């Protein structure tokens, strides 16, 4: 319990020390936006690439597990296929949301 209280005090201290950053006035926003447009595009591309790789790995694991499950129990192949298609659709929707975020931020 003592360690939990100490952790809570440290977290509150860090949050209070960061409040001064929020009180600062922003610098010339129009000049900063012009110089960072290329960096935003690169960051968006890298972020989307990470999302695509994660989605591809997830989809391949679902496909492999569905094939293995259908091979072990052919009677449940229809249920396994339904669950696989649902999982693939959810993973693909996450990748499409990442694409939407990339186009919204760039």
N, C-alpha and C. Protein backbone atom coordinates (compact mmCIF):
# COMPACT_ATOMS: atom_id res chain seq x y z
N UNK A 1 0.83 -1.19 0.00
CA UNK A 1 0.00 0.00 0.00
C UNK A 1 0.87 1.25 0.00
N UNK A 2 1.99 1.18 0.69
CA UNK A 2 2.88 2.33 0.75
C UNK A 2 3.46 2.65 -0.62
N UNK A 3 3.79 1.61 -1.40
CA UNK A 3 4.33 1.83 -2.74
C UNK A 3 3.28 2.44 -3.66
N UNK A 4 2.04 2.03 -3.49
CA UNK A 4 0.96 2.59 -4.31
C UNK A 4 0.76 4.07 -4.00
N UNK A 5 0.81 4.43 -2.73
CA UNK A 5 0.68 5.84 -2.35
C UNK A 5 1.84 6.66 -2.90
N UNK A 6 3.05 6.12 -2.83
CA UNK A 6 4.21 6.81 -3.36
C UNK A 6 4.10 7.00 -4.87
N UNK A 7 3.63 5.98 -5.55
CA UNK A 7 3.43 6.07 -6.99
C UNK A 7 2.40 7.15 -7.33
N UNK A 8 1.33 7.21 -6.57
CA UNK A 8 0.30 8.21 -6.80
C UNK A 8 0.85 9.62 -6.59
N UNK A 9 1.65 9.82 -5.56
CA UNK A 9 2.24 11.12 -5.29
C UNK A 9 3.19 11.52 -6.42
N UNK A 10 3.96 10.58 -6.92
CA UNK A 10 4.89 10.87 -8.02
C UNK A 10 4.13 11.25 -9.28
N UNK A 11 3.07 10.52 -9.59
CA UNK A 11 2.27 10.82 -10.79
C UNK A 11 1.64 12.20 -10.68
N UNK A 12 1.09 12.53 -9.52
CA UNK A 12 0.49 13.86 -9.34
C UNK A 12 1.55 14.94 -9.44
N UNK A 13 2.73 14.71 -8.90
CA UNK A 13 3.82 15.68 -9.01
C UNK A 13 4.23 15.93 -10.44
N UNK A 14 4.32 14.87 -11.22
CA UNK A 14 4.69 15.03 -12.64
C UNK A 14 3.60 15.79 -13.39
N UNK A 15 2.35 15.48 -13.10
CA UNK A 15 1.26 16.19 -13.78
C UNK A 15 1.23 17.67 -13.41
N UNK A 16 1.49 17.99 -12.14
CA UNK A 16 1.51 19.40 -11.74
C UNK A 16 2.70 20.14 -12.36
N UNK A 17 3.81 19.48 -12.51
CA UNK A 17 4.96 20.15 -13.12
C UNK A 17 4.76 20.38 -14.60
N UNK A 18 3.91 19.63 -15.24
CA UNK A 18 3.66 19.80 -16.67
C UNK A 18 2.60 20.86 -16.95
N UNK A 19 1.93 21.37 -15.93
CA UNK A 19 0.88 22.35 -16.15
C UNK A 19 1.41 23.67 -16.67
N UNK A 20 2.67 24.00 -16.39
CA UNK A 20 3.21 25.27 -16.87
C UNK A 20 3.34 25.28 -18.38
N UNK A 21 3.48 24.12 -18.99
CA UNK A 21 3.57 24.06 -20.45
C UNK A 21 2.26 24.50 -21.07
N UNK A 22 1.16 24.15 -20.45
CA UNK A 22 -0.14 24.51 -21.00
C UNK A 22 -0.43 26.00 -20.86
N UNK A 23 0.28 26.72 -19.98
CA UNK A 23 0.05 28.14 -19.78
C UNK A 23 0.79 29.00 -20.78
N UNK A 24 1.71 28.43 -21.54
CA UNK A 24 2.48 29.21 -22.49
C UNK A 24 1.63 29.57 -23.70
N UNK A 25 1.90 30.74 -24.26
CA UNK A 25 1.19 31.14 -25.47
C UNK A 25 1.87 30.50 -26.68
N UNK A 26 1.10 30.12 -27.66
CA UNK A 26 1.71 29.49 -28.84
C UNK A 26 2.53 30.50 -29.63
N UNK A 27 3.59 30.01 -30.26
CA UNK A 27 4.42 30.87 -31.10
C UNK A 27 3.70 31.12 -32.41
N UNK A 28 4.39 31.70 -33.34
CA UNK A 28 3.79 32.00 -34.65
C UNK A 28 3.36 30.69 -35.31
N UNK A 29 2.09 30.41 -35.28
CA UNK A 29 1.58 29.13 -35.75
C UNK A 29 1.67 29.00 -37.27
N UNK A 30 1.55 30.10 -37.99
CA UNK A 30 1.57 30.01 -39.45
C UNK A 30 2.97 29.66 -39.96
N UNK A 31 4.01 30.15 -39.33
CA UNK A 31 5.37 29.82 -39.76
C UNK A 31 5.73 28.38 -39.40
N UNK A 32 5.29 27.92 -38.24
CA UNK A 32 5.58 26.54 -37.82
C UNK A 32 4.84 25.54 -38.69
N UNK A 33 3.65 25.90 -39.15
CA UNK A 33 2.87 24.97 -39.98
C UNK A 33 3.53 24.79 -41.35
N UNK A 34 4.12 25.84 -41.89
CA UNK A 34 4.75 25.73 -43.20
C UNK A 34 5.99 24.86 -43.15
N UNK A 35 6.75 24.94 -42.08
CA UNK A 35 8.00 24.19 -42.01
C UNK A 35 7.80 22.72 -41.64
N UNK A 36 6.66 22.39 -41.11
CA UNK A 36 6.46 21.01 -40.68
C UNK A 36 5.48 20.23 -41.55
N UNK A 37 5.09 20.77 -42.68
CA UNK A 37 4.12 20.06 -43.53
C UNK A 37 4.70 18.76 -44.07
N UNK A 38 5.96 18.80 -44.49
CA UNK A 38 6.59 17.58 -45.01
C UNK A 38 6.78 16.53 -43.93
N UNK A 39 7.12 16.98 -42.72
CA UNK A 39 7.30 16.02 -41.63
C UNK A 39 5.98 15.37 -41.24
N UNK A 40 4.90 16.13 -41.32
CA UNK A 40 3.58 15.54 -41.03
C UNK A 40 3.23 14.45 -42.03
N UNK A 41 3.55 14.68 -43.30
CA UNK A 41 3.25 13.68 -44.32
C UNK A 41 4.08 12.42 -44.12
N UNK A 42 5.35 12.59 -43.77
CA UNK A 42 6.21 11.42 -43.52
C UNK A 42 5.71 10.66 -42.30
N UNK A 43 5.37 11.38 -41.23
CA UNK A 43 4.88 10.72 -40.01
C UNK A 43 3.57 9.99 -40.27
N UNK A 44 2.69 10.59 -41.07
CA UNK A 44 1.42 9.94 -41.39
C UNK A 44 1.65 8.68 -42.21
N UNK A 45 2.59 8.74 -43.15
CA UNK A 45 2.90 7.55 -43.95
C UNK A 45 3.49 6.43 -43.12
N UNK A 46 4.39 6.77 -42.20
CA UNK A 46 4.99 5.74 -41.34
C UNK A 46 3.93 5.15 -40.41
N UNK A 47 3.08 6.01 -39.86
CA UNK A 47 2.02 5.52 -38.98
C UNK A 47 1.05 4.60 -39.69
N UNK A 48 0.70 4.96 -40.92
CA UNK A 48 -0.21 4.10 -41.67
C UNK A 48 0.47 2.80 -42.06
N UNK A 49 1.76 2.85 -42.36
CA UNK A 49 2.48 1.61 -42.68
C UNK A 49 2.50 0.67 -41.48
N UNK A 50 2.67 1.21 -40.29
CA UNK A 50 2.63 0.37 -39.09
C UNK A 50 1.24 -0.24 -38.91
N UNK A 51 0.19 0.54 -39.16
CA UNK A 51 -1.17 0.02 -39.05
C UNK A 51 -1.43 -1.09 -40.06
N UNK A 52 -0.93 -0.91 -41.28
CA UNK A 52 -1.13 -1.92 -42.32
C UNK A 52 -0.38 -3.21 -41.98
N UNK A 53 0.85 -3.08 -41.49
CA UNK A 53 1.61 -4.27 -41.13
C UNK A 53 0.92 -5.01 -39.99
N UNK A 54 0.44 -4.27 -39.00
CA UNK A 54 -0.28 -4.92 -37.90
C UNK A 54 -1.54 -5.61 -38.36
N UNK A 55 -2.29 -4.95 -39.27
CA UNK A 55 -3.50 -5.57 -39.81
C UNK A 55 -3.20 -6.81 -40.62
N UNK A 56 -2.12 -6.77 -41.42
CA UNK A 56 -1.75 -7.94 -42.23
C UNK A 56 -1.33 -9.11 -41.35
N UNK A 57 -0.59 -8.82 -40.30
CA UNK A 57 -0.18 -9.90 -39.38
C UNK A 57 -1.41 -10.50 -38.70
N UNK A 58 -2.33 -9.65 -38.26
CA UNK A 58 -3.54 -10.14 -37.62
C UNK A 58 -4.40 -10.97 -38.55
N UNK A 59 -4.54 -10.53 -39.79
CA UNK A 59 -5.34 -11.27 -40.75
C UNK A 59 -4.69 -12.61 -41.10
N UNK A 60 -3.38 -12.63 -41.21
CA UNK A 60 -2.73 -13.91 -41.53
C UNK A 60 -2.86 -14.89 -40.38
N UNK A 61 -2.80 -14.39 -39.14
CA UNK A 61 -2.96 -15.29 -38.00
C UNK A 61 -4.39 -15.83 -37.91
N UNK A 62 -5.37 -14.99 -38.22
CA UNK A 62 -6.75 -15.46 -38.22
C UNK A 62 -6.96 -16.50 -39.30
N UNK A 63 -6.42 -16.26 -40.49
CA UNK A 63 -6.55 -17.23 -41.58
C UNK A 63 -5.90 -18.56 -41.24
N UNK A 64 -4.71 -18.51 -40.65
CA UNK A 64 -4.02 -19.75 -40.28
C UNK A 64 -4.79 -20.50 -39.19
N UNK A 65 -5.31 -19.78 -38.22
CA UNK A 65 -6.06 -20.44 -37.15
C UNK A 65 -7.36 -21.03 -37.67
N UNK A 66 -8.00 -20.35 -38.62
CA UNK A 66 -9.24 -20.89 -39.19
C UNK A 66 -8.97 -22.16 -39.99
N UNK A 67 -7.90 -22.16 -40.77
CA UNK A 67 -7.55 -23.36 -41.53
C UNK A 67 -7.23 -24.53 -40.60
N UNK A 68 -6.50 -24.24 -39.55
CA UNK A 68 -6.16 -25.29 -38.59
C UNK A 68 -7.40 -25.80 -37.87
N UNK A 69 -8.29 -24.89 -37.50
CA UNK A 69 -9.51 -25.30 -36.81
C UNK A 69 -10.42 -26.13 -37.71
N UNK A 70 -10.53 -25.75 -38.98
CA UNK A 70 -11.36 -26.52 -39.90
C UNK A 70 -10.75 -27.88 -40.20
N UNK A 71 -9.43 -27.95 -40.20
CA UNK A 71 -8.77 -29.25 -40.43
C UNK A 71 -8.96 -30.17 -39.24
N UNK A 72 -8.98 -29.64 -38.04
CA UNK A 72 -9.16 -30.46 -36.84
C UNK A 72 -10.60 -30.91 -36.66
N UNK A 73 -11.54 -30.02 -37.03
CA UNK A 73 -12.95 -30.34 -36.84
C UNK A 73 -13.73 -29.89 -38.08
N UNK A 74 -13.82 -30.75 -39.08
CA UNK A 74 -14.52 -30.34 -40.32
C UNK A 74 -16.00 -30.03 -40.13
N UNK A 75 -16.60 -30.58 -39.09
CA UNK A 75 -18.02 -30.32 -38.85
C UNK A 75 -18.29 -28.88 -38.42
N UNK A 76 -17.30 -28.24 -37.85
CA UNK A 76 -17.48 -26.86 -37.39
C UNK A 76 -16.91 -25.84 -38.37
N UNK A 77 -16.61 -26.28 -39.59
CA UNK A 77 -15.98 -25.38 -40.57
C UNK A 77 -16.85 -24.19 -40.91
N UNK A 78 -18.17 -24.36 -40.96
CA UNK A 78 -19.05 -23.24 -41.31
C UNK A 78 -19.04 -22.17 -40.22
N UNK A 79 -19.08 -22.60 -38.94
CA UNK A 79 -19.01 -21.63 -37.84
C UNK A 79 -17.65 -20.94 -37.79
N UNK A 80 -16.60 -21.71 -38.05
CA UNK A 80 -15.26 -21.14 -38.04
C UNK A 80 -15.11 -20.12 -39.15
N UNK A 81 -15.67 -20.42 -40.32
CA UNK A 81 -15.58 -19.48 -41.44
C UNK A 81 -16.33 -18.19 -41.14
N UNK A 82 -17.49 -18.30 -40.50
CA UNK A 82 -18.26 -17.12 -40.15
C UNK A 82 -17.49 -16.24 -39.17
N UNK A 83 -16.91 -16.86 -38.15
CA UNK A 83 -16.12 -16.11 -37.17
C UNK A 83 -14.88 -15.50 -37.82
N UNK A 84 -14.27 -16.23 -38.76
CA UNK A 84 -13.08 -15.71 -39.43
C UNK A 84 -13.43 -14.48 -40.25
N UNK A 85 -14.51 -14.52 -40.99
CA UNK A 85 -14.91 -13.38 -41.82
C UNK A 85 -15.24 -12.17 -40.94
N UNK A 86 -15.88 -12.40 -39.81
CA UNK A 86 -16.18 -11.30 -38.88
C UNK A 86 -14.89 -10.69 -38.35
N UNK A 87 -13.94 -11.52 -37.96
CA UNK A 87 -12.65 -11.01 -37.47
C UNK A 87 -11.89 -10.26 -38.53
N UNK A 88 -11.90 -10.78 -39.76
CA UNK A 88 -11.21 -10.09 -40.85
C UNK A 88 -11.84 -8.74 -41.14
N UNK A 89 -13.16 -8.66 -41.08
CA UNK A 89 -13.84 -7.39 -41.33
C UNK A 89 -13.50 -6.36 -40.25
N UNK A 90 -13.42 -6.80 -39.00
CA UNK A 90 -13.09 -5.87 -37.92
C UNK A 90 -11.65 -5.37 -38.04
N UNK A 91 -10.74 -6.26 -38.39
CA UNK A 91 -9.34 -5.84 -38.55
C UNK A 91 -9.22 -4.88 -39.73
N UNK A 92 -9.89 -5.18 -40.80
CA UNK A 92 -9.81 -4.30 -41.98
C UNK A 92 -10.43 -2.94 -41.68
N UNK A 93 -11.47 -2.90 -40.86
CA UNK A 93 -12.07 -1.61 -40.51
C UNK A 93 -11.09 -0.77 -39.70
N UNK A 94 -10.28 -1.40 -38.85
CA UNK A 94 -9.28 -0.64 -38.10
C UNK A 94 -8.23 -0.04 -39.04
N UNK A 95 -7.83 -0.78 -40.05
CA UNK A 95 -6.86 -0.26 -41.02
C UNK A 95 -7.48 0.90 -41.80
N UNK A 96 -8.76 0.77 -42.15
CA UNK A 96 -9.43 1.87 -42.87
C UNK A 96 -9.58 3.10 -41.99
N UNK A 97 -9.81 2.92 -40.69
CA UNK A 97 -9.85 4.05 -39.78
C UNK A 97 -8.49 4.73 -39.71
N UNK A 98 -7.42 3.95 -39.73
CA UNK A 98 -6.07 4.53 -39.74
C UNK A 98 -5.87 5.35 -41.01
N UNK A 99 -6.35 4.85 -42.14
CA UNK A 99 -6.24 5.60 -43.40
C UNK A 99 -7.04 6.91 -43.31
N UNK A 100 -8.21 6.85 -42.70
CA UNK A 100 -9.02 8.05 -42.52
C UNK A 100 -8.30 9.08 -41.66
N UNK A 101 -7.64 8.64 -40.61
CA UNK A 101 -6.90 9.54 -39.75
C UNK A 101 -5.73 10.17 -40.51
N UNK A 102 -5.07 9.37 -41.34
CA UNK A 102 -3.95 9.91 -42.13
C UNK A 102 -4.44 11.02 -43.04
N UNK A 103 -5.54 10.82 -43.74
CA UNK A 103 -6.04 11.85 -44.65
C UNK A 103 -6.60 13.04 -43.91
N UNK A 104 -7.11 12.84 -42.70
CA UNK A 104 -7.66 13.95 -41.94
C UNK A 104 -6.56 14.83 -41.35
N UNK A 105 -5.43 14.25 -41.02
CA UNK A 105 -4.36 15.01 -40.37
C UNK A 105 -3.39 15.65 -41.34
N UNK A 106 -3.30 15.13 -42.56
CA UNK A 106 -2.32 15.69 -43.50
C UNK A 106 -2.90 16.78 -44.34
